[in-house]
Amino acid sequence: MEKRIGNALIIVNQASPSIADLNTFLSDYSFLILSRQGVSFKDRGLNIIVIIFEGEINHINTLAGKIGRLRDIKIKIVLI
């Protein structure tokens, strides 16, 4: 299957009970991740994570779906 390159923007509410699950998913799919950067906005109660990845579309969609179902966490993906 063809590999795609893309990025994900993940917005996390700092009070989210799902942060441990998010980190588990990112570790489980680390074979996709080329780069990961995080920024904390303490005054807004948000963390923003940007990921650059390369992989098969089914793996990317599976990861995005798992993250998207987590409470107080939003994800947007761009593929090229």
N, C-alpha and C. Protein backbone atom coordinates (compact mmCIF):
# COMPACT_ATOMS: atom_id res chain seq x y z
N MET A 1 0.84 -1.17 0.00
CA MET A 1 0.00 0.00 0.00
C MET A 1 0.89 1.25 0.00
N GLU A 2 0.40 2.31 -0.61
CA GLU A 2 1.15 3.56 -0.75
C GLU A 2 1.30 4.28 0.60
N LYS A 3 2.50 4.82 0.83
CA LYS A 3 2.72 5.61 2.04
C LYS A 3 2.38 7.07 1.75
N ARG A 4 1.82 7.73 2.75
CA ARG A 4 1.47 9.14 2.65
C ARG A 4 2.21 9.92 3.72
N ILE A 5 2.44 11.19 3.45
CA ILE A 5 3.05 12.10 4.41
C ILE A 5 1.97 13.07 4.86
N GLY A 6 2.00 13.43 6.12
CA GLY A 6 1.01 14.37 6.62
C GLY A 6 1.37 14.89 7.98
N ASN A 7 0.44 15.69 8.52
CA ASN A 7 0.63 16.16 9.88
C ASN A 7 -0.69 16.12 10.62
N ALA A 8 -0.59 16.15 11.93
CA ALA A 8 -1.77 16.15 12.79
C ALA A 8 -1.62 17.26 13.80
N LEU A 9 -2.70 17.96 14.04
CA LEU A 9 -2.79 18.96 15.09
C LEU A 9 -3.70 18.37 16.15
N ILE A 10 -3.19 18.23 17.36
CA ILE A 10 -3.96 17.64 18.45
C ILE A 10 -4.09 18.70 19.54
N ILE A 11 -5.33 19.02 19.91
CA ILE A 11 -5.59 19.99 20.96
C ILE A 11 -6.13 19.24 22.17
N VAL A 12 -5.45 19.41 23.30
CA VAL A 12 -5.76 18.65 24.50
C VAL A 12 -6.13 19.60 25.63
N ASN A 13 -7.30 19.41 26.22
CA ASN A 13 -7.66 20.13 27.43
C ASN A 13 -6.79 19.61 28.55
N GLN A 14 -6.11 20.49 29.29
CA GLN A 14 -5.17 20.05 30.32
C GLN A 14 -5.84 19.23 31.41
N ALA A 15 -7.14 19.38 31.57
CA ALA A 15 -7.86 18.62 32.60
C ALA A 15 -8.41 17.30 32.06
N SER A 16 -8.07 16.96 30.83
CA SER A 16 -8.61 15.75 30.20
C SER A 16 -8.17 14.49 30.94
N PRO A 17 -9.13 13.60 31.19
CA PRO A 17 -8.77 12.31 31.80
C PRO A 17 -8.14 11.34 30.81
N SER A 18 -8.03 11.75 29.55
CA SER A 18 -7.57 10.86 28.48
C SER A 18 -6.12 11.05 28.08
N ILE A 19 -5.37 11.88 28.80
CA ILE A 19 -4.00 12.18 28.40
C ILE A 19 -3.13 10.92 28.39
N ALA A 20 -3.29 10.05 29.37
CA ALA A 20 -2.51 8.80 29.41
C ALA A 20 -2.83 7.93 28.20
N ASP A 21 -4.11 7.86 27.83
CA ASP A 21 -4.51 7.08 26.64
C ASP A 21 -3.91 7.67 25.38
N LEU A 22 -3.89 9.01 25.26
CA LEU A 22 -3.29 9.67 24.10
C LEU A 22 -1.82 9.28 23.98
N ASN A 23 -1.08 9.37 25.06
CA ASN A 23 0.34 9.02 25.02
C ASN A 23 0.55 7.55 24.68
N THR A 24 -0.34 6.68 25.15
CA THR A 24 -0.25 5.26 24.80
C THR A 24 -0.45 5.06 23.30
N PHE A 25 -1.47 5.71 22.73
CA PHE A 25 -1.71 5.59 21.28
C PHE A 25 -0.53 6.10 20.48
N LEU A 26 0.03 7.25 20.88
CA LEU A 26 1.18 7.80 20.16
C LEU A 26 2.39 6.87 20.25
N SER A 27 2.57 6.24 21.39
CA SER A 27 3.66 5.26 21.53
C SER A 27 3.41 4.02 20.68
N ASP A 28 2.17 3.55 20.67
CA ASP A 28 1.82 2.37 19.87
C ASP A 28 2.04 2.59 18.37
N TYR A 29 1.85 3.83 17.93
CA TYR A 29 1.98 4.16 16.51
C TYR A 29 3.25 4.98 16.24
N SER A 30 4.25 4.82 17.08
CA SER A 30 5.49 5.60 16.92
C SER A 30 6.21 5.31 15.60
N PHE A 31 5.92 4.14 15.01
CA PHE A 31 6.54 3.81 13.72
C PHE A 31 6.09 4.76 12.61
N LEU A 32 4.99 5.50 12.82
CA LEU A 32 4.52 6.48 11.84
C LEU A 32 5.15 7.86 12.05
N ILE A 33 5.53 8.16 13.28
CA ILE A 33 5.87 9.53 13.68
C ILE A 33 7.32 9.87 13.33
N LEU A 34 7.46 10.96 12.55
CA LEU A 34 8.79 11.48 12.20
C LEU A 34 9.20 12.59 13.16
N SER A 35 8.22 13.37 13.62
CA SER A 35 8.51 14.50 14.49
C SER A 35 7.29 14.78 15.37
N ARG A 36 7.55 15.24 16.61
CA ARG A 36 6.48 15.58 17.52
C ARG A 36 6.90 16.82 18.31
N GLN A 37 6.02 17.81 18.35
CA GLN A 37 6.29 19.03 19.08
C GLN A 37 5.08 19.38 19.92
N GLY A 38 5.30 19.80 21.15
CA GLY A 38 4.21 20.17 22.02
C GLY A 38 4.40 21.55 22.61
N VAL A 39 3.29 22.27 22.75
CA VAL A 39 3.30 23.60 23.34
C VAL A 39 2.17 23.66 24.36
N SER A 40 2.48 24.21 25.54
CA SER A 40 1.49 24.33 26.60
C SER A 40 1.00 25.77 26.68
N PHE A 41 -0.32 25.95 26.69
CA PHE A 41 -0.94 27.25 26.91
C PHE A 41 -1.64 27.20 28.27
N LYS A 42 -0.87 27.38 29.33
CA LYS A 42 -1.40 27.22 30.69
C LYS A 42 -2.52 28.21 30.98
N ASP A 43 -2.41 29.43 30.45
CA ASP A 43 -3.45 30.43 30.70
C ASP A 43 -4.79 30.06 30.06
N ARG A 44 -4.76 29.23 29.03
CA ARG A 44 -5.98 28.77 28.36
C ARG A 44 -6.36 27.35 28.74
N GLY A 45 -5.50 26.68 29.49
CA GLY A 45 -5.78 25.31 29.90
C GLY A 45 -5.68 24.30 28.76
N LEU A 46 -4.81 24.60 27.78
CA LEU A 46 -4.68 23.75 26.60
C LEU A 46 -3.23 23.33 26.37
N ASN A 47 -3.07 22.16 25.80
CA ASN A 47 -1.80 21.70 25.24
C ASN A 47 -2.03 21.46 23.76
N ILE A 48 -1.08 21.86 22.94
CA ILE A 48 -1.18 21.61 21.50
C ILE A 48 0.01 20.76 21.10
N ILE A 49 -0.29 19.67 20.40
CA ILE A 49 0.73 18.76 19.91
C ILE A 49 0.65 18.73 18.39
N VAL A 50 1.80 18.90 17.74
CA VAL A 50 1.88 18.81 16.28
C VAL A 50 2.75 17.61 15.94
N ILE A 51 2.23 16.75 15.08
CA ILE A 51 2.96 15.54 14.68
C ILE A 51 3.12 15.53 13.17
N ILE A 52 4.31 15.18 12.72
CA ILE A 52 4.55 14.92 11.30
C ILE A 52 4.76 13.42 11.17
N PHE A 53 4.07 12.82 10.21
CA PHE A 53 4.12 11.37 10.09
C PHE A 53 4.20 10.93 8.63
N GLU A 54 4.59 9.67 8.46
CA GLU A 54 4.59 9.03 7.15
C GLU A 54 4.17 7.58 7.36
N GLY A 55 3.19 7.14 6.58
CA GLY A 55 2.75 5.77 6.72
C GLY A 55 1.56 5.45 5.82
N GLU A 56 1.12 4.23 5.93
CA GLU A 56 -0.02 3.78 5.14
C GLU A 56 -1.30 4.41 5.70
N ILE A 57 -2.20 4.73 4.79
CA ILE A 57 -3.41 5.47 5.13
C ILE A 57 -4.26 4.73 6.17
N ASN A 58 -4.28 3.40 6.13
CA ASN A 58 -5.08 2.67 7.11
C ASN A 58 -4.53 2.82 8.52
N HIS A 59 -3.20 2.87 8.67
CA HIS A 59 -2.60 3.10 9.99
C HIS A 59 -2.87 4.52 10.47
N ILE A 60 -2.75 5.49 9.57
CA ILE A 60 -2.99 6.88 9.92
C ILE A 60 -4.44 7.07 10.36
N ASN A 61 -5.37 6.52 9.60
CA ASN A 61 -6.78 6.66 9.94
C ASN A 61 -7.13 5.96 11.25
N THR A 62 -6.52 4.82 11.49
CA THR A 62 -6.77 4.11 12.75
C THR A 62 -6.29 4.94 13.93
N LEU A 63 -5.09 5.49 13.84
CA LEU A 63 -4.57 6.33 14.91
C LEU A 63 -5.47 7.55 15.12
N ALA A 64 -5.82 8.24 14.04
CA ALA A 64 -6.67 9.44 14.15
C ALA A 64 -8.03 9.10 14.75
N GLY A 65 -8.59 7.98 14.37
CA GLY A 65 -9.87 7.56 14.92
C GLY A 65 -9.80 7.29 16.41
N LYS A 66 -8.75 6.63 16.84
CA LYS A 66 -8.59 6.34 18.27
C LYS A 66 -8.43 7.63 19.07
N ILE A 67 -7.61 8.55 18.56
CA ILE A 67 -7.41 9.82 19.25
C ILE A 67 -8.69 10.65 19.24
N GLY A 68 -9.39 10.65 18.12
CA GLY A 68 -10.61 11.45 17.98
C GLY A 68 -11.72 11.03 18.92
N ARG A 69 -11.69 9.79 19.39
CA ARG A 69 -12.72 9.31 20.32
C ARG A 69 -12.41 9.61 21.78
N LEU A 70 -11.22 10.15 22.04
CA LEU A 70 -10.84 10.46 23.42
C LEU A 70 -11.56 11.72 23.91
N ARG A 71 -11.91 11.70 25.18
CA ARG A 71 -12.64 12.82 25.79
C ARG A 71 -11.72 14.04 25.93
N ASP A 72 -12.24 15.22 25.58
CA ASP A 72 -11.54 16.51 25.70
C ASP A 72 -10.29 16.60 24.83
N ILE A 73 -10.24 15.83 23.75
CA ILE A 73 -9.11 15.89 22.82
C ILE A 73 -9.66 15.98 21.40
N LYS A 74 -9.11 16.93 20.63
CA LYS A 74 -9.52 17.11 19.23
C LYS A 74 -8.32 16.88 18.34
N ILE A 75 -8.57 16.33 17.15
CA ILE A 75 -7.48 16.09 16.20
C ILE A 75 -7.92 16.48 14.80
N LYS A 76 -7.01 17.08 14.06
CA LYS A 76 -7.20 17.41 12.64
C LYS A 76 -5.97 16.90 11.89
N ILE A 77 -6.21 16.27 10.74
CA ILE A 77 -5.12 15.68 9.96
C ILE A 77 -5.12 16.27 8.56
N VAL A 78 -3.91 16.50 8.04
CA VAL A 78 -3.72 16.94 6.66
C VAL A 78 -2.77 15.93 6.01
N LEU A 79 -3.17 15.39 4.87
CA LEU A 79 -2.33 14.44 4.12
C LEU A 79 -1.94 15.04 2.78
N ILE A 80 -0.71 14.72 2.35
CA ILE A 80 -0.30 15.17 1.01
C ILE A 80 0.17 13.96 0.23
